[in-house]
N, C-alpha and C. Protein backbone atom coordinates (compact mmCIF):
# COMPACT_ATOMS: atom_id res chain seq x y z
N MET A 1 0.65 -0.95 0.13
CA MET A 1 -0.10 -0.01 0.12
C MET A 1 1.12 1.12 -0.07
N HIS A 2 0.50 2.07 -0.95
CA HIS A 2 1.29 3.33 -1.23
C HIS A 2 0.76 4.51 -1.21
N MET A 3 0.57 5.94 -0.22
CA MET A 3 0.02 7.00 -0.33
C MET A 3 0.44 7.51 -1.41
N LEU A 4 0.06 7.71 -2.60
CA LEU A 4 0.28 8.63 -3.81
C LEU A 4 -0.20 9.98 -3.71
N TYR A 5 -1.26 10.56 -3.16
CA TYR A 5 -1.57 11.94 -2.79
C TYR A 5 -2.61 12.12 -2.16
N ASN A 6 -2.14 13.15 -1.34
CA ASN A 6 -3.12 13.52 -0.16
C ASN A 6 -3.21 15.04 -0.14
N SER A 7 -4.52 15.47 -0.32
CA SER A 7 -4.93 16.70 0.03
C SER A 7 -5.99 17.04 1.04
N ASP A 8 -6.45 18.42 1.32
CA ASP A 8 -7.36 18.50 1.84
C ASP A 8 -8.79 18.19 1.52
N SER A 9 -8.72 17.88 0.22
CA SER A 9 -10.11 17.39 -0.41
C SER A 9 -10.15 15.84 -0.58
N TYR A 10 -9.05 15.28 -1.01
CA TYR A 10 -8.56 13.98 -1.58
C TYR A 10 -7.46 13.04 -1.05
N ALA A 11 -7.73 12.14 -1.09
CA ALA A 11 -6.59 10.85 -0.64
C ALA A 11 -6.41 9.79 -1.75
N VAL A 12 -5.27 9.37 -2.31
CA VAL A 12 -5.24 8.44 -3.27
C VAL A 12 -4.12 7.48 -3.00
N VAL A 13 -4.73 5.99 -2.74
CA VAL A 13 -3.57 4.87 -2.20
C VAL A 13 -3.43 3.77 -3.61
N GLN A 14 -2.37 3.65 -3.53
CA GLN A 14 -1.95 2.37 -4.49
C GLN A 14 -1.99 1.28 -3.85
N ILE A 15 -2.71 0.24 -4.25
CA ILE A 15 -2.75 -1.26 -3.48
C ILE A 15 -2.60 -2.19 -4.35
N ASP A 16 -1.21 -2.53 -4.04
CA ASP A 16 -0.66 -4.19 -4.73
C ASP A 16 -0.94 -5.34 -4.17
N VAL A 17 -1.60 -6.12 -4.75
CA VAL A 17 -1.78 -7.42 -3.96
C VAL A 17 -1.15 -8.63 -4.67
N ALA A 18 -0.38 -9.72 -4.15
CA ALA A 18 0.30 -10.37 -4.80
C ALA A 18 -0.37 -11.51 -4.80
N VAL A 19 -0.44 -12.21 -6.24
CA VAL A 19 -1.33 -13.42 -6.47
C VAL A 19 -0.43 -14.52 -6.92
N ILE A 20 -0.37 -15.73 -6.08
CA ILE A 20 0.06 -16.77 -6.28
C ILE A 20 -0.35 -17.91 -6.95
N GLU A 21 0.05 -18.15 -8.19
CA GLU A 21 -0.52 -19.18 -8.95
C GLU A 21 0.41 -20.55 -9.22
N PRO A 22 -0.19 -21.74 -8.97
CA PRO A 22 0.75 -22.72 -9.15
C PRO A 22 0.98 -23.09 -10.83
N THR A 23 1.93 -23.06 -11.19
CA THR A 23 2.30 -23.71 -12.58
C THR A 23 2.17 -25.39 -12.76
N LEU A 24 2.37 -25.73 -14.08
CA LEU A 24 2.08 -26.97 -14.33
C LEU A 24 2.95 -27.93 -13.34
N ALA A 25 4.22 -27.63 -13.24
CA ALA A 25 5.21 -28.32 -12.48
C ALA A 25 4.95 -28.08 -11.04
N LEU A 26 4.86 -29.16 -10.07
CA LEU A 26 4.40 -28.62 -8.91
C LEU A 26 5.19 -28.03 -8.02
N ASP A 27 6.58 -28.05 -8.37
CA ASP A 27 7.58 -27.12 -7.62
C ASP A 27 7.73 -25.84 -8.26
N GLU A 28 7.27 -25.39 -9.08
CA GLU A 28 7.17 -24.01 -9.68
C GLU A 28 6.07 -23.20 -9.48
N VAL A 29 6.00 -22.01 -8.87
CA VAL A 29 5.19 -21.09 -8.54
C VAL A 29 5.53 -19.58 -9.18
N THR A 30 4.16 -19.05 -9.69
CA THR A 30 4.48 -18.09 -10.46
C THR A 30 3.88 -17.02 -9.54
N SER A 31 4.46 -15.63 -9.63
CA SER A 31 3.80 -14.64 -9.05
C SER A 31 3.21 -13.62 -9.63
N LEU A 32 1.94 -13.39 -9.75
CA LEU A 32 1.33 -12.24 -10.60
C LEU A 32 1.11 -10.99 -9.41
N THR A 33 0.57 -9.80 -10.01
CA THR A 33 0.38 -8.74 -9.09
C THR A 33 -0.84 -8.32 -9.63
N ARG A 34 -2.06 -7.90 -8.49
CA ARG A 34 -3.13 -7.38 -8.78
C ARG A 34 -3.30 -6.22 -7.86
N GLY A 35 -4.00 -5.47 -8.39
CA GLY A 35 -4.45 -4.30 -7.40
C GLY A 35 -5.04 -3.17 -7.93
N GLY A 36 -5.01 -2.07 -7.35
CA GLY A 36 -5.83 -0.79 -7.99
C GLY A 36 -5.34 0.24 -6.95
N TYR A 37 -6.26 1.17 -7.03
CA TYR A 37 -6.20 2.62 -6.35
C TYR A 37 -7.67 2.62 -5.51
N GLU A 38 -6.97 3.09 -4.41
CA GLU A 38 -8.40 3.68 -3.43
C GLU A 38 -8.50 5.32 -3.60
N ILE A 39 -9.66 5.63 -3.78
CA ILE A 39 -9.82 6.87 -3.93
C ILE A 39 -10.77 7.50 -2.75
N VAL A 40 -10.52 8.46 -1.76
CA VAL A 40 -11.15 8.92 -0.84
C VAL A 40 -11.57 10.34 -1.10
N ASP A 41 -12.94 10.47 -0.84
CA ASP A 41 -13.48 12.27 -1.03
C ASP A 41 -13.50 12.43 0.49
N LYS A 42 -12.54 13.06 0.90
CA LYS A 42 -12.66 13.58 2.15
C LYS A 42 -14.05 14.31 2.69
N PHE A 43 -14.29 15.26 1.87
CA PHE A 43 -15.67 16.14 2.05
C PHE A 43 -16.77 15.42 2.22
N ALA A 44 -16.85 14.27 1.11
CA ALA A 44 -18.03 13.53 1.02
C ALA A 44 -18.17 12.47 1.93
N ARG A 45 -17.17 12.36 2.67
CA ARG A 45 -16.76 11.00 3.33
C ARG A 45 -17.15 9.69 2.69
N LYS A 46 -16.84 9.56 1.38
CA LYS A 46 -16.87 8.37 0.67
C LYS A 46 -15.60 8.02 -0.11
N GLU A 47 -15.66 6.56 -0.10
CA GLU A 47 -14.31 6.20 -1.21
C GLU A 47 -14.89 4.96 -2.01
N MET A 48 -13.98 4.74 -2.81
CA MET A 48 -13.98 3.66 -3.86
C MET A 48 -12.48 3.25 -4.10
N PHE A 49 -12.86 1.82 -4.79
CA PHE A 49 -11.50 0.89 -5.08
C PHE A 49 -12.01 0.80 -6.70
N ILE A 50 -10.92 1.16 -7.19
CA ILE A 50 -10.59 0.86 -8.62
C ILE A 50 -9.77 0.00 -9.01
N GLU A 51 -10.25 -0.91 -10.08
CA GLU A 51 -9.07 -1.90 -10.66
C GLU A 51 -9.11 -2.24 -12.15
N GLY A 52 -8.48 -3.16 -12.65
CA GLY A 52 -8.78 -3.59 -14.04
C GLY A 52 -8.33 -2.20 -15.10
N ALA A 53 -9.32 -2.32 -16.02
CA ALA A 53 -9.30 -1.21 -17.11
C ALA A 53 -9.66 0.23 -16.61
N LEU A 54 -10.45 0.19 -15.42
CA LEU A 54 -10.79 1.83 -14.81
C LEU A 54 -9.40 2.12 -14.26
N ALA A 55 -8.88 1.14 -13.53
CA ALA A 55 -7.53 1.63 -13.01
C ALA A 55 -6.51 1.87 -13.85
N GLU A 56 -6.41 1.35 -14.91
CA GLU A 56 -5.36 1.55 -15.91
C GLU A 56 -5.61 2.88 -16.78
N SER A 57 -6.69 3.32 -16.93
CA SER A 57 -6.97 4.40 -17.29
C SER A 57 -6.67 5.64 -16.49
N PHE A 58 -7.28 5.42 -14.95
CA PHE A 58 -6.77 6.26 -14.22
C PHE A 58 -5.29 6.69 -14.27
N LYS A 59 -4.80 5.56 -13.92
CA LYS A 59 -3.00 5.74 -14.34
C LYS A 59 -2.82 6.33 -15.63
N VAL A 60 -3.00 6.21 -16.76
CA VAL A 60 -2.80 7.23 -17.77
C VAL A 60 -3.05 8.38 -17.61
N GLY A 61 -4.20 9.14 -17.12
CA GLY A 61 -4.59 10.24 -16.88
C GLY A 61 -3.84 10.83 -16.06
N VAL A 62 -3.42 10.30 -14.88
CA VAL A 62 -2.60 10.87 -13.64
C VAL A 62 -1.31 11.11 -14.50
N GLU A 63 -0.57 10.30 -15.15
CA GLU A 63 0.63 10.30 -15.75
C GLU A 63 0.42 11.63 -16.90
N ALA A 64 -0.70 11.59 -17.40
CA ALA A 64 -0.63 12.65 -18.60
C ALA A 64 -0.73 14.15 -18.01
N LEU A 65 -1.56 13.99 -16.76
CA LEU A 65 -1.53 15.38 -15.89
C LEU A 65 -0.48 15.69 -15.08
N ILE A 66 0.30 14.88 -14.60
CA ILE A 66 1.47 15.03 -14.27
C ILE A 66 2.64 15.73 -15.00
N GLU A 67 2.56 15.57 -16.08
CA GLU A 67 3.69 15.90 -17.39
C GLU A 67 3.40 17.50 -17.44
N THR A 68 1.97 18.00 -16.95
CA THR A 68 1.89 19.45 -17.11
C THR A 68 2.04 20.13 -15.77
N SER A 69 2.73 19.42 -14.81
CA SER A 69 3.06 19.93 -13.75
C SER A 69 1.56 20.91 -12.91
N PRO A 70 0.65 19.87 -12.54
CA PRO A 70 -0.58 20.69 -12.08
C PRO A 70 -0.47 20.98 -10.63
N SER A 71 -1.30 22.12 -10.70
CA SER A 71 -1.53 22.55 -9.31
C SER A 71 -2.37 21.65 -8.57
N ILE A 72 -2.67 21.67 -7.13
CA ILE A 72 -3.36 20.95 -6.48
C ILE A 72 -4.90 21.09 -6.67
N GLU A 73 -5.31 22.05 -7.27
CA GLU A 73 -6.63 22.30 -7.56
C GLU A 73 -7.04 21.50 -8.78
N GLU A 74 -6.01 21.56 -9.86
CA GLU A 74 -6.08 20.82 -11.23
C GLU A 74 -6.01 19.48 -11.03
N PHE A 75 -5.09 18.90 -9.90
CA PHE A 75 -5.16 17.46 -9.45
C PHE A 75 -6.54 16.93 -8.91
N ASP A 76 -6.95 17.97 -8.15
CA ASP A 76 -8.36 17.49 -7.31
C ASP A 76 -9.44 17.46 -8.27
N ALA A 77 -9.48 18.62 -9.23
CA ALA A 77 -10.57 18.62 -10.28
C ALA A 77 -10.53 16.95 -11.00
N TYR A 78 -9.38 16.68 -11.48
CA TYR A 78 -9.30 15.44 -12.15
C TYR A 78 -9.89 14.01 -11.38
N LEU A 79 -9.41 14.18 -9.98
CA LEU A 79 -10.01 12.93 -8.84
C LEU A 79 -11.43 13.29 -8.89
N GLU A 80 -12.11 14.32 -8.95
CA GLU A 80 -13.54 14.75 -8.69
C GLU A 80 -13.90 13.85 -9.65
N GLY A 81 -13.82 13.93 -10.88
CA GLY A 81 -14.41 12.98 -12.20
C GLY A 81 -14.54 11.38 -11.49
N PHE A 82 -13.61 10.98 -10.87
CA PHE A 82 -13.66 9.72 -10.28
C PHE A 82 -14.30 9.55 -8.98
N ALA A 83 -14.37 10.36 -8.36
CA ALA A 83 -14.79 10.50 -6.93
C ALA A 83 -16.33 10.47 -6.76
N GLY A 84 -16.74 11.17 -7.87
CA GLY A 84 -18.13 11.23 -8.11
C GLY A 84 -18.81 9.79 -8.30
N MET A 85 -18.00 8.71 -8.24
CA MET A 85 -18.71 7.18 -8.25
C MET A 85 -18.51 6.52 -7.16
N ALA A 86 -17.82 7.28 -6.21
CA ALA A 86 -17.74 6.77 -4.80
C ALA A 86 -19.00 6.54 -4.37
N GLN A 87 -19.24 5.31 -3.48
CA GLN A 87 -20.71 4.97 -2.76
C GLN A 87 -20.13 4.43 -1.40
N GLN A 88 -19.10 4.08 -1.38
CA GLN A 88 -18.82 3.23 -0.04
C GLN A 88 -18.38 4.62 0.92
N PRO A 89 -19.15 4.31 2.21
CA PRO A 89 -18.92 5.67 3.12
C PRO A 89 -17.63 5.18 3.84
N VAL A 90 -16.78 6.10 4.24
CA VAL A 90 -15.69 6.03 5.10
C VAL A 90 -16.03 5.72 6.48
N VAL A 91 -15.70 4.69 6.85
CA VAL A 91 -15.58 4.42 8.30
C VAL A 91 -14.22 4.30 8.88
N MET A 92 -14.27 5.03 10.43
CA MET A 92 -12.85 5.15 10.96
C MET A 92 -13.17 4.00 11.91
N HIS A 93 -12.09 3.20 12.39
CA HIS A 93 -12.02 2.35 13.46
C HIS A 93 -11.35 2.97 14.56
């Protein structure tokens, strides 16, 4: 788990999960990675986890945005487009 972004409005955490799958030979094991991004809207107190094609699209968009040296407001505006899909309430333990 890696904190990628944290502003007053949003937090983005990258989560990588190792997946171990046996190969045809019993003594060999291959390790793949799965994961995605957790986006937390601090004001709405909602979060979402994205993976797969949506996570890849998010990553490509972030990389393109970073090339322009965005301000915090510009980056938050980008995250707003994804955070609008968040349905899971944030619960603190």
